[in-house]
Amino acid sequence: MTDSNERIQLRVSNNKAYVWDVDDIATLRSKHHICGVLTGTLPHLSQQNVFLGIPLLLLPEEVVLLVENEAAVLVDDPSAHHTPTPAALETWNTERKKAMQEQIALVGAKEAKEAGRGMTEAAIRKRREREEKRAKAKEASSVAEGIIPQDTVPAPEPPAASTPDRPSTPSSSSYTYPLPIPSATLYPWYDPSANTYTTVPSAQRAGIWTYPSTLLERARCAVFRDLHDKGYFMGVGIKFGGDFLVYPGDPLRYHSHFVATVIESPVSTLMPMEIVAHGRLGTATKKAHLLCGWDEEKKEVSHLSIEWAGFG
């Protein structure tokens, strides 16, 4: 049994579970084959939705699987934040301002260094050009006045092989500098010890988590666990007309092989048009469609794959 203090904290807010720690996100993916969906925007690119960041939003089935496997705990995040004392708040504001000043100083020093280097190179180049023009003008005037015979004027020296100047850094260039992002656990007014739940039923009794509460939700959890235990990675399948996408490995390296649809009961009605639609759509997207049935009485999961085939 894993100690609850060593388990990954899933911070629940509004019946959704989030992961805010980057190391926990890496552990979930590499060790537990849980991917989730990144939902946070980037501070300077808040209008785009191509590259997203923390927090990681987990599927309800992923949450149930992790808690039942004793790999994670549920934390009532709003209740874990207590009202800070004036002294604690003042200390936090002081540290925050100090960190901001350090970041501004680092950026300013780097910008000044880059700008100074670019100005120095430009000044040297201009001075060299001015000196060459001045020397040529002086020689030309001396020859015209007869002070120096034309044939005694020294030939100009061939220009030395010059190395290509480094492109000056524009003022709008971006810089890399450390930006500390403190975790909520570092705040003195954040204490999840009294708001942590190690089982799904205890979290349901506390009212912070409701999944699974219906037959369909229990069927989805059972199908998710069965495919996960077989070594597959799971993702959201709504774009392909199913409940889950089933990957043979990490989605960053593999395409999904199956689209899974959950059937909550052996006596559930399945229309012929649904079978045709699933088969056609799966074939069109180069995937097989899985019909995953759940038997509540026997606690068994069954799978049936369908593909479109030509006849005649």
C-alpha atoms as a PDB file:
ATOM      1  CA  MET A   1       0.000   0.000   0.000  1.00  0.00           C
ATOM      2  CA  THR A   2       1.325   3.435  -0.976  1.00  0.00           C
ATOM      3  CA  ASP A   3       1.521   6.070   1.729  1.00  0.00           C
ATOM      4  CA  SER A   4      -1.071   8.790   1.123  1.00  0.00           C
ATOM      5  CA  ASN A   5       1.649  11.438   1.506  1.00  0.00           C
ATOM      6  CA  GLU A   6       3.524   9.945  -1.451  1.00  0.00           C
ATOM      7  CA  ARG A   7       0.508   9.778  -3.747  1.00  0.00           C
ATOM      8  CA  ILE A   8      -0.181  12.324  -6.461  1.00  0.00           C
ATOM      9  CA  GLN A   9      -2.574  15.046  -5.363  1.00  0.00           C
ATOM     10  CA  LEU A  10      -5.547  15.515  -7.686  1.00  0.00           C
ATOM     11  CA  ARG A  11      -6.973  18.920  -6.844  1.00  0.00           C
ATOM     12  CA  VAL A  12     -10.742  18.838  -7.280  1.00  0.00           C
ATOM     13  CA  SER A  13     -12.687  21.985  -8.057  1.00  0.00           C
ATOM     14  CA  ASN A  14     -16.235  22.062  -9.417  1.00  0.00           C
ATOM     15  CA  ASN A  15     -16.207  18.242  -9.709  1.00  0.00           C
ATOM     16  CA  LYS A  16     -13.167  18.287 -12.012  1.00  0.00           C
ATOM     17  CA  ALA A  17      -9.715  16.977 -11.102  1.00  0.00           C
ATOM     18  CA  TYR A  18      -6.559  18.898 -12.010  1.00  0.00           C
ATOM     19  CA  VAL A  19      -2.834  18.219 -11.680  1.00  0.00           C
ATOM     20  CA  TRP A  20      -0.683  21.313 -11.152  1.00  0.00           C
ATOM     21  CA  ASP A  21       2.747  19.777 -10.527  1.00  0.00           C
ATOM     22  CA  VAL A  22       4.903  19.218 -13.634  1.00  0.00           C
ATOM     23  CA  ASP A  23       6.740  16.279 -12.045  1.00  0.00           C
ATOM     24  CA  ASP A  24       3.415  14.623 -11.228  1.00  0.00           C
ATOM     25  CA  ILE A  25       2.288  15.079 -14.837  1.00  0.00           C
ATOM     26  CA  ALA A  26       5.456  13.372 -16.066  1.00  0.00           C
ATOM     27  CA  THR A  27       4.972  10.528 -13.574  1.00  0.00           C
ATOM     28  CA  LEU A  28       1.370  10.008 -14.637  1.00  0.00           C
ATOM     29  CA  ARG A  29       2.372   9.691 -18.276  1.00  0.00           C
ATOM     30  CA  SER A  30       5.499   7.573 -17.914  1.00  0.00           C
ATOM     31  CA  LYS A  31       4.532   5.305 -15.034  1.00  0.00           C
ATOM     32  CA  HIS A  32       0.741   5.120 -15.050  1.00  0.00           C
ATOM     33  CA  HIS A  33       0.004   5.662 -18.787  1.00  0.00           C
ATOM     34  CA  ILE A  34      -2.341   8.539 -17.948  1.00  0.00           C
ATOM     35  CA  CYS A  35      -2.229  11.473 -20.384  1.00  0.00           C
ATOM     36  CA  GLY A  36      -5.089  13.824 -19.511  1.00  0.00           C
ATOM     37  CA  VAL A  37      -5.562  17.122 -21.348  1.00  0.00           C
ATOM     38  CA  LEU A  38      -3.534  20.286 -20.790  1.00  0.00           C
ATOM     39  CA  THR A  39      -5.900  23.223 -20.356  1.00  0.00           C
ATOM     40  CA  GLY A  40      -3.753  26.163 -19.214  1.00  0.00           C
ATOM     41  CA  THR A  41      -2.788  29.024 -21.516  1.00  0.00           C
ATOM     42  CA  LEU A  42       0.667  30.535 -21.862  1.00  0.00           C
ATOM     43  CA  PRO A  43       1.060  33.944 -20.166  1.00  0.00           C
ATOM     44  CA  HIS A  44       2.223  35.808 -23.296  1.00  0.00           C
ATOM     45  CA  LEU A  45       0.121  33.815 -25.797  1.00  0.00           C
ATOM     46  CA  SER A  46      -3.196  33.630 -24.025  1.00  0.00           C
ATOM     47  CA  GLN A  47      -5.257  33.841 -27.233  1.00  0.00           C
ATOM     48  CA  GLN A  48      -3.830  30.710 -28.846  1.00  0.00           C
ATOM     49  CA  ASN A  49      -4.906  27.135 -28.134  1.00  0.00           C
ATOM     50  CA  VAL A  50      -2.197  25.144 -29.940  1.00  0.00           C
ATOM     51  CA  PHE A  51       0.401  25.006 -27.159  1.00  0.00           C
ATOM     52  CA  LEU A  52      -1.270  24.663 -23.781  1.00  0.00           C
ATOM     53  CA  GLY A  53       0.226  24.315 -20.317  1.00  0.00           C
ATOM     54  CA  ILE A  54      -0.681  23.345 -16.784  1.00  0.00           C
ATOM     55  CA  PRO A  55      -3.002  22.466 -15.210  1.00  0.00           C
ATOM     56  CA  LEU A  56      -3.639  18.990 -16.563  1.00  0.00           C
ATOM     57  CA  LEU A  57      -7.334  18.089 -16.611  1.00  0.00           C
ATOM     58  CA  LEU A  58      -8.013  14.387 -16.075  1.00  0.00           C
ATOM     59  CA  LEU A  59     -10.896  12.349 -17.412  1.00  0.00           C
ATOM     60  CA  PRO A  60     -13.252  11.100 -14.675  1.00  0.00           C
ATOM     61  CA  GLU A  61     -12.306   7.531 -15.579  1.00  0.00           C
ATOM     62  CA  GLU A  62      -8.620   8.382 -15.156  1.00  0.00           C
ATOM     63  CA  VAL A  63      -9.321   9.832 -11.722  1.00  0.00           C
ATOM     64  CA  VAL A  64     -11.225   6.765 -10.549  1.00  0.00           C
ATOM     65  CA  LEU A  65      -8.502   4.450 -11.864  1.00  0.00           C
ATOM     66  CA  LEU A  66      -5.690   6.338 -10.126  1.00  0.00           C
ATOM     67  CA  VAL A  67      -7.484   6.557  -6.782  1.00  0.00           C
ATOM     68  CA  GLU A  68      -8.521   2.897  -6.837  1.00  0.00           C
ATOM     69  CA  ASN A  69      -4.930   1.913  -7.694  1.00  0.00           C
ATOM     70  CA  GLU A  70      -3.741   3.945  -4.677  1.00  0.00           C
ATOM     71  CA  ALA A  71      -1.618   6.125  -6.949  1.00  0.00           C
ATOM     72  CA  ALA A  72      -3.428   9.384  -6.176  1.00  0.00           C
ATOM     73  CA  VAL A  73      -5.630  11.133  -3.644  1.00  0.00           C
ATOM     74  CA  LEU A  74      -8.443  13.631  -4.107  1.00  0.00           C
ATOM     75  CA  VAL A  75      -8.024  17.073  -2.547  1.00  0.00           C
ATOM     76  CA  ASP A  76     -10.859  19.525  -2.001  1.00  0.00           C
ATOM     77  CA  ASP A  77      -8.839  22.427  -3.362  1.00  0.00           C
ATOM     78  CA  PRO A  78     -11.166  25.363  -2.522  1.00  0.00           C
ATOM     79  CA  SER A  79     -11.459  24.217   1.106  1.00  0.00           C
ATOM     80  CA  ALA A  80      -7.697  23.670   1.399  1.00  0.00           C
ATOM     81  CA  HIS A  81      -7.089  27.398   0.882  1.00  0.00           C
ATOM     82  CA  HIS A  82      -7.595  29.172   4.191  1.00  0.00           C
ATOM     83  CA  THR A  83      -7.797  32.897   4.820  1.00  0.00           C
ATOM     84  CA  PRO A  84      -4.226  34.149   5.335  1.00  0.00           C
ATOM     85  CA  THR A  85      -3.260  36.210   8.348  1.00  0.00           C
ATOM     86  CA  PRO A  86      -2.170  39.820   7.720  1.00  0.00           C
ATOM     87  CA  ALA A  87       1.393  38.914   8.691  1.00  0.00           C
ATOM     88  CA  ALA A  88       1.521  35.938   6.298  1.00  0.00           C
ATOM     89  CA  LEU A  89       0.033  38.026   3.502  1.00  0.00           C
ATOM     90  CA  GLU A  90       2.544  40.822   4.067  1.00  0.00           C
ATOM     91  CA  THR A  91       5.434  38.344   4.014  1.00  0.00           C
ATOM     92  CA  TRP A  92       4.147  36.805   0.806  1.00  0.00           C
ATOM     93  CA  ASN A  93       3.782  40.234  -0.854  1.00  0.00           C
ATOM     94  CA  THR A  94       7.322  41.164   0.162  1.00  0.00           C
ATOM     95  CA  GLU A  95       8.760  37.957  -1.280  1.00  0.00           C
ATOM     96  CA  ARG A  96       6.723  38.352  -4.461  1.00  0.00           C
ATOM     97  CA  LYS A  97       7.960  41.923  -4.999  1.00  0.00           C
ATOM     98  CA  LYS A  98      11.532  40.817  -4.344  1.00  0.00           C
ATOM     99  CA  ALA A  99      11.219  38.028  -6.922  1.00  0.00           C
ATOM    100  CA  MET A 100       9.774  40.471  -9.466  1.00  0.00           C
ATOM    101  CA  GLN A 101      12.623  42.933  -8.895  1.00  0.00           C
ATOM    102  CA  GLU A 102      15.181  40.159  -9.366  1.00  0.00           C
ATOM    103  CA  GLN A 103      13.546  39.103 -12.637  1.00  0.00           C
ATOM    104  CA  ILE A 104      13.423  42.709 -13.910  1.00  0.00           C
ATOM    105  CA  ALA A 105      17.074  43.209 -12.963  1.00  0.00           C
ATOM    106  CA  LEU A 106      18.114  40.036 -14.809  1.00  0.00           C
ATOM    107  CA  VAL A 107      16.235  41.023 -17.955  1.00  0.00           C
ATOM    108  CA  GLY A 108      17.529  44.608 -17.823  1.00  0.00           C
ATOM    109  CA  ALA A 109      21.136  43.470 -17.425  1.00  0.00           C
ATOM    110  CA  LYS A 110      20.880  41.106 -20.354  1.00  0.00           C
ATOM    111  CA  GLU A 111      19.201  43.690 -22.593  1.00  0.00           C
ATOM    112  CA  ALA A 112      21.835  46.293 -21.702  1.00  0.00           C
ATOM    113  CA  LYS A 113      24.629  43.841 -22.448  1.00  0.00           C
ATOM    114  CA  GLU A 114      23.185  42.869 -25.816  1.00  0.00           C
ATOM    115  CA  ALA A 115      22.409  46.479 -26.767  1.00  0.00           C
ATOM    116  CA  GLY A 116      25.854  47.658 -25.676  1.00  0.00           C
ATOM    117  CA  ARG A 117      27.551  44.986 -27.730  1.00  0.00           C
ATOM    118  CA  GLY A 118      25.549  45.880 -30.830  1.00  0.00           C
ATOM    119  CA  MET A 119      26.230  49.633 -30.451  1.00  0.00           C
ATOM    120  CA  THR A 120      29.970  49.058 -29.956  1.00  0.00           C
ATOM    121  CA  GLU A 121      30.291  46.983 -33.142  1.00  0.00           C
ATOM    122  CA  ALA A 122      28.301  49.539 -35.126  1.00  0.00           C
ATOM    123  CA  ALA A 123      30.406  52.432 -33.779  1.00  0.00           C
ATOM    124  CA  ILE A 124      33.665  50.668 -34.640  1.00  0.00           C
ATOM    125  CA  ARG A 125      32.472  49.933 -38.159  1.00  0.00           C
ATOM    126  CA  LYS A 126      31.388  53.541 -38.759  1.00  0.00           C
ATOM    127  CA  ARG A 127      34.643  54.943 -37.369  1.00  0.00           C
ATOM    128  CA  ARG A 128      36.663  52.683 -39.661  1.00  0.00           C
ATOM    129  CA  GLU A 129      34.653  53.852 -42.665  1.00  0.00           C
ATOM    130  CA  ARG A 130      35.126  57.517 -41.721  1.00  0.00           C
ATOM    131  CA  GLU A 131      38.900  57.056 -41.341  1.00  0.00           C
ATOM    132  CA  GLU A 132      39.180  55.352 -44.731  1.00  0.00           C
ATOM    133  CA  LYS A 133      37.228  58.151 -46.429  1.00  0.00           C
ATOM    134  CA  ARG A 134      39.366  60.801 -44.695  1.00  0.00           C
ATOM    135  CA  ALA A 135      42.623  59.079 -45.770  1.00  0.00           C
ATOM    136  CA  LYS A 136      41.488  58.778 -49.386  1.00  0.00           C
ATOM    137  CA  ALA A 137      40.450  62.426 -49.520  1.00  0.00           C
ATOM    138  CA  LYS A 138      43.801  63.526 -48.098  1.00  0.00           C
ATOM    139  CA  GLU A 139      45.750  61.457 -50.615  1.00  0.00           C
ATOM    140  CA  ALA A 140      43.687  62.779 -53.504  1.00  0.00           C
ATOM    141  CA  SER A 141      44.249  66.401 -52.464  1.00  0.00           C
ATOM    142  CA  SER A 142      48.018  65.827 -52.054  1.00  0.00           C
ATOM    143  CA  VAL A 143      48.296  64.345 -55.538  1.00  0.00           C
ATOM    144  CA  ALA A 144      46.308  67.212 -57.026  1.00  0.00           C
ATOM    145  CA  GLU A 145      48.666  69.772 -55.426  1.00  0.00           C
ATOM    146  CA  GLY A 146      51.753  67.903 -56.638  1.00  0.00           C
ATOM    147  CA  ILE A 147      53.058  67.170 -53.202  1.00  0.00           C
ATOM    148  CA  ILE A 148      53.118  63.448 -53.792  1.00  0.00           C
ATOM    149  CA  PRO A 149      53.741  62.139 -57.315  1.00  0.00           C
ATOM    150  CA  GLN A 150      50.977  59.988 -58.684  1.00  0.00           C
ATOM    151  CA  ASP A 151      53.265  57.041 -59.233  1.00  0.00           C
ATOM    152  CA  THR A 152      54.470  57.159 -55.622  1.00  0.00           C
ATOM    153  CA  VAL A 153      51.044  56.946 -54.118  1.00  0.00           C
ATOM    154  CA  PRO A 154      50.978  53.630 -52.312  1.00  0.00           C
ATOM    155  CA  ALA A 155      48.449  51.202 -53.594  1.00  0.00           C
ATOM    156  CA  PRO A 156      45.670  50.591 -51.174  1.00  0.00           C
ATOM    157  CA  GLU A 157      46.142  47.507 -49.129  1.00  0.00           C
ATOM    158  CA  PRO A 158      43.773  44.674 -49.927  1.00  0.00           C
ATOM    159  CA  PRO A 159      41.073  44.434 -47.348  1.00  0.00           C
ATOM    160  CA  ALA A 160      41.742  41.850 -44.721  1.00  0.00           C
ATOM    161  CA  ALA A 161      39.560  38.815 -44.721  1.00  0.00           C
ATOM    162  CA  SER A 162      36.802  39.905 -42.478  1.00  0.00           C
ATOM    163  CA  THR A 163      34.607  37.617 -40.552  1.00  0.00           C
ATOM    164  CA  PRO A 164      30.891  38.127 -41.039  1.00  0.00           C
ATOM    165  CA  ASP A 165      29.521  40.483 -38.487  1.00  0.00           C
ATOM    166  CA  ARG A 166      27.227  38.922 -35.997  1.00  0.00           C
ATOM    167  CA  PRO A 167      23.708  40.139 -36.502  1.00  0.00           C
ATOM    168  CA  SER A 168      22.797  42.670 -33.917  1.00  0.00           C
ATOM    169  CA  THR A 169      20.073  41.606 -31.570  1.00  0.00           C
ATOM    170  CA  PRO A 170      16.889  43.582 -32.180  1.00  0.00           C
ATOM    171  CA  SER A 171      15.309  45.252 -29.238  1.00  0.00           C
ATOM    172  CA  SER A 172      12.194  43.121 -29.651  1.00  0.00           C
ATOM    173  CA  SER A 173      14.042  39.799 -29.308  1.00  0.00           C
ATOM    174  CA  SER A 174      12.940  37.402 -26.633  1.00  0.00           C
ATOM    175  CA  TYR A 175      15.103  36.387 -23.704  1.00  0.00           C
ATOM    176  CA  THR A 176      15.188  33.318 -21.528  1.00  0.00           C
ATOM    177  CA  TYR A 177      15.279  34.017 -17.832  1.00  0.00           C
ATOM    178  CA  PRO A 178      14.170  32.084 -14.767  1.00  0.00           C
ATOM    179  CA  LEU A 179      10.580  32.650 -13.767  1.00  0.00           C
ATOM    180  CA  PRO A 180       9.814  30.880 -10.485  1.00  0.00           C
ATOM    181  CA  ILE A 181       6.230  29.686 -10.238  1.00  0.00           C
ATOM    182  CA  PRO A 182       5.526  28.759  -6.621  1.00  0.00           C
ATOM    183  CA  SER A 183       3.267  25.818  -5.960  1.00  0.00           C
ATOM    184  CA  ALA A 184       0.196  26.252  -3.815  1.00  0.00           C
ATOM    185  CA  THR A 185       1.790  23.931  -1.258  1.00  0.00           C
ATOM    186  CA  LEU A 186       4.397  26.623  -0.538  1.00  0.00           C
ATOM    187  CA  TYR A 187       1.812  29.062   0.727  1.00  0.00           C
ATOM    188  CA  PRO A 188       1.444  28.979   4.511  1.00  0.00           C
ATOM    189  CA  TRP A 189      -2.333  29.307   4.265  1.00  0.00           C
ATOM    190  CA  TYR A 190      -2.677  26.207   2.059  1.00  0.00           C
ATOM    191  CA  ASP A 191      -3.281  23.053   4.117  1.00  0.00           C
ATOM    192  CA  PRO A 192      -4.897  20.057   2.362  1.00  0.00           C
ATOM    193  CA  SER A 193      -4.392  17.642   5.267  1.00  0.00           C
ATOM    194  CA  ALA A 194      -8.010  17.937   6.458  1.00  0.00           C
ATOM    195  CA  ASN A 195      -9.407  17.936   2.912  1.00  0.00           C
ATOM    196  CA  THR A 196      -7.699  14.899   1.394  1.00  0.00           C
ATOM    197  CA  TYR A 197      -9.606  11.720   0.476  1.00  0.00           C
ATOM    198  CA  THR A 198      -7.935   8.435  -0.346  1.00  0.00           C
ATOM    199  CA  THR A 199     -10.986   6.624  -1.755  1.00  0.00           C
ATOM    200  CA  VAL A 200     -13.720   7.514  -4.211  1.00  0.00           C
ATOM    201  CA  PRO A 201     -16.590   6.684  -1.779  1.00  0.00           C
ATOM    202  CA  SER A 202     -15.143   8.977   0.901  1.00  0.00           C
ATOM    203  CA  ALA A 203     -14.882  11.816  -1.617  1.00  0.00           C
ATOM    204  CA  GLN A 204     -18.443  11.151  -2.735  1.00  0.00           C
ATOM    205  CA  ARG A 205     -19.693  11.284   0.845  1.00  0.00           C
ATOM    206  CA  ALA A 206     -17.868  14.600   1.302  1.00  0.00           C
ATOM    207  CA  GLY A 207     -19.650  15.956  -1.765  1.00  0.00           C
ATOM    208  CA  ILE A 208     -16.569  16.919  -3.770  1.00  0.00           C
ATOM    209  CA  TRP A 209     -16.755  14.044  -6.283  1.00  0.00           C
ATOM    210  CA  THR A 210     -19.776  12.297  -7.836  1.00  0.00           C
ATOM    211  CA  TYR A 211     -18.329  10.008 -10.518  1.00  0.00           C
ATOM    212  CA  PRO A 212     -19.404   7.244 -11.115  1.00  0.00           C
ATOM    213  CA  SER A 213     -23.029   7.499 -10.061  1.00  0.00           C
ATOM    214  CA  THR A 214     -24.955   5.864 -12.944  1.00  0.00           C
ATOM    215  CA  LEU A 215     -24.812   2.544 -14.773  1.00  0.00           C
ATOM    216  CA  LEU A 216     -23.284   4.182 -17.859  1.00  0.00           C
ATOM    217  CA  GLU A 217     -20.589   5.880 -15.790  1.00  0.00           C
ATOM    218  CA  ARG A 218     -19.723   2.616 -14.033  1.00  0.00           C
ATOM    219  CA  ALA A 219     -19.561   0.916 -17.435  1.00  0.00           C
ATOM    220  CA  ARG A 220     -17.204   3.599 -18.751  1.00  0.00           C
ATOM    221  CA  CYS A 221     -14.931   3.148 -15.728  1.00  0.00           C
ATOM    222  CA  ALA A 222     -14.897  -0.629 -16.155  1.00  0.00           C
ATOM    223  CA  VAL A 223     -14.117  -0.431 -19.901  1.00  0.00           C
ATOM    224  CA  PHE A 224     -11.419   2.163 -19.292  1.00  0.00           C
ATOM    225  CA  ARG A 225      -9.770  -0.006 -16.629  1.00  0.00           C
ATOM    226  CA  ASP A 226      -9.950  -3.139 -18.791  1.00  0.00           C
ATOM    227  CA  LEU A 227      -8.258  -1.501 -21.785  1.00  0.00           C
ATOM    228  CA  HIS A 228      -5.760   0.297 -19.549  1.00  0.00           C
ATOM    229  CA  ASP A 229      -4.804  -2.967 -17.841  1.00  0.00           C
ATOM    230  CA  LYS A 230      -4.168  -4.459 -21.288  1.00  0.00           C
ATOM    231  CA  GLY A 231      -1.419  -1.863 -21.794  1.00  0.00           C
ATOM    232  CA  TYR A 232      -3.248   0.692 -23.924  1.00  0.00           C
ATOM    233  CA  PHE A 233      -3.135   4.461 -23.571  1.00  0.00           C
ATOM    234  CA  MET A 234      -6.547   6.112 -23.559  1.00  0.00           C
ATOM    235  CA  GLY A 235      -7.760   9.464 -24.828  1.00  0.00           C
ATOM    236  CA  VAL A 236     -10.960  11.354 -25.572  1.00  0.00           C
ATOM    237  CA  GLY A 237     -12.806   9.840 -28.536  1.00  0.00           C
ATOM    238  CA  ILE A 238     -15.556  12.372 -29.216  1.00  0.00           C
ATOM    239  CA  LYS A 239     -13.822  13.664 -32.375  1.00  0.00           C
ATOM    240  CA  PHE A 240     -14.091  10.203 -33.892  1.00  0.00           C
ATOM    241  CA  GLY A 241     -17.614   9.353 -32.792  1.00  0.00           C
ATOM    242  CA  GLY A 242     -16.767   7.253 -29.736  1.00  0.00           C
ATOM    243  CA  ASP A 243     -16.117   7.443 -26.017  1.00  0.00           C
ATOM    244  CA  PHE A 244     -12.374   6.745 -26.034  1.00  0.00           C
ATOM    245  CA  LEU A 245      -9.435   6.634 -28.402  1.00  0.00           C
ATOM    246  CA  VAL A 246      -7.256   3.570 -27.818  1.00  0.00           C
ATOM    247  CA  TYR A 247      -3.515   3.901 -28.482  1.00  0.00           C
ATOM    248  CA  PRO A 248      -0.977   1.044 -28.538  1.00  0.00           C
ATOM    249  CA  GLY A 249       1.573   3.352 -26.869  1.00  0.00           C
ATOM    250  CA  ASP A 250       2.163   6.967 -25.928  1.00  0.00           C
ATOM    251  CA  PRO A 251      -0.014   9.233 -28.143  1.00  0.00           C
ATOM    252  CA  LEU A 252       3.062  11.373 -28.824  1.00  0.00           C
ATOM    253  CA  ARG A 253       4.567   8.415 -30.692  1.00  0.00           C
ATOM    254  CA  TYR A 254       1.616   6.408 -32.005  1.00  0.00           C
ATOM    255  CA  HIS A 255      -1.671   6.935 -33.776  1.00  0.00           C
ATOM    256  CA  SER A 256      -4.740   5.398 -32.197  1.00  0.00           C
ATOM    257  CA  HIS A 257      -5.771   1.979 -33.493  1.00  0.00           C
ATOM    258  CA  PHE A 258      -9.309   1.839 -32.094  1.00  0.00           C
ATOM    259  CA  VAL A 259     -12.259   4.054 -31.301  1.00  0.00           C
ATOM    260  CA  ALA A 260     -14.158   2.593 -28.345  1.00  0.00           C
ATOM    261  CA  THR A 261     -17.880   2.978 -27.677  1.00  0.00           C
ATOM    262  CA  VAL A 262     -19.222   1.852 -24.308  1.00  0.00           C
ATOM    263  CA  ILE A 263     -22.433  -0.180 -24.132  1.00  0.00           C
ATOM    264  CA  GLU A 264     -23.714  -0.053 -20.584  1.00  0.00           C
ATOM    265  CA  SER A 265     -25.630  -3.319 -20.509  1.00  0.00           C
ATOM    266  CA  PRO A 266     -25.923  -6.603 -22.445  1.00  0.00           C
ATOM    267  CA  VAL A 267     -29.590  -5.792 -23.036  1.00  0.00           C
ATOM    268  CA  SER A 268     -28.982  -2.260 -24.343  1.00  0.00           C
ATOM    269  CA  THR A 269     -30.510  -1.495 -27.722  1.00  0.00           C
ATOM    270  CA  LEU A 270     -28.074  -1.027 -30.605  1.00  0.00           C
ATOM    271  CA  MET A 271     -29.600   0.120 -33.899  1.00  0.00           C
ATOM    272  CA  PRO A 272     -28.266  -1.300 -37.195  1.00  0.00           C
ATOM    273  CA  MET A 273     -27.651   2.241 -38.410  1.00  0.00           C
ATOM    274  CA  GLU A 274     -25.314   2.800 -35.462  1.00  0.00           C
ATOM    275  CA  ILE A 275     -23.270  -0.262 -36.406  1.00  0.00           C
ATOM    276  CA  VAL A 276     -23.011   0.931 -40.017  1.00  0.00           C
ATOM    277  CA  ALA A 277     -22.065   4.455 -38.944  1.00  0.00           C
ATOM    278  CA  HIS A 278     -19.390   3.233 -36.552  1.00  0.00           C
ATOM    279  CA  GLY A 279     -17.942   0.877 -39.160  1.00  0.00           C
ATOM    280  CA  ARG A 280     -17.895   3.494 -41.927  1.00  0.00           C
ATOM    281  CA  LEU A 281     -16.443   6.218 -39.718  1.00  0.00           C
ATOM    282  CA  GLY A 282     -13.801   3.932 -38.269  1.00  0.00           C
ATOM    283  CA  THR A 283     -12.689   2.788 -41.720  1.00  0.00           C
ATOM    284  CA  ALA A 284     -12.644   6.350 -43.056  1.00  0.00           C
ATOM    285  CA  THR A 285     -10.345   7.418 -40.219  1.00  0.00           C
ATOM    286  CA  LYS A 286      -8.173   4.278 -40.560  1.00  0.00           C
ATOM    287  CA  LYS A 287      -9.255   2.827 -37.232  1.00  0.00           C
ATOM    288  CA  ALA A 288     -11.257  -0.146 -36.086  1.00  0.00           C
ATOM    289  CA  HIS A 289     -14.307   0.593 -33.958  1.00  0.00           C
ATOM    290  CA  LEU A 290     -14.641  -1.246 -30.657  1.00  0.00           C
ATOM    291  CA  LEU A 291     -18.038  -1.978 -29.167  1.00  0.00           C
ATOM    292  CA  CYS A 292     -17.285  -2.465 -25.472  1.00  0.00           C
ATOM    293  CA  GLY A 293     -20.010  -4.105 -23.424  1.00  0.00           C
ATOM    294  CA  TRP A 294     -20.299  -4.133 -19.633  1.00  0.00           C
ATOM    295  CA  ASP A 295     -22.138  -6.781 -17.635  1.00  0.00           C
ATOM    296  CA  GLU A 296     -22.950  -5.329 -14.208  1.00  0.00           C
ATOM    297  CA  GLU A 297     -23.947  -8.699 -12.717  1.00  0.00           C
ATOM    298  CA  LYS A 298     -20.917 -10.668 -13.889  1.00  0.00           C
ATOM    299  CA  LYS A 299     -18.537  -7.688 -13.636  1.00  0.00           C
ATOM    300  CA  GLU A 300     -17.189  -8.549 -17.076  1.00  0.00           C
ATOM    301  CA  VAL A 301     -16.144  -6.463 -20.076  1.00  0.00           C
ATOM    302  CA  SER A 302     -16.424  -7.757 -23.633  1.00  0.00           C
ATOM    303  CA  HIS A 303     -15.089  -6.226 -26.847  1.00  0.00           C
ATOM    304  CA  LEU A 304     -16.268  -6.528 -30.449  1.00  0.00           C
ATOM    305  CA  SER A 305     -14.468  -4.751 -33.295  1.00  0.00           C
ATOM    306  CA  ILE A 306     -16.208  -3.765 -36.521  1.00  0.00           C
ATOM    307  CA  GLU A 307     -14.809  -2.584 -39.844  1.00  0.00           C
ATOM    308  CA  TRP A 308     -16.402  -1.761 -43.170  1.00  0.00           C
ATOM    309  CA  ALA A 309     -15.876  -4.506 -45.775  1.00  0.00           C
ATOM    310  CA  GLY A 310     -16.773  -4.693 -49.469  1.00  0.00           C
ATOM    311  CA  PHE A 311     -18.974  -7.454 -50.849  1.00  0.00           C
ATOM    312  CA  GLY A 312     -19.070  -9.129 -54.221  1.00  0.00           C
END
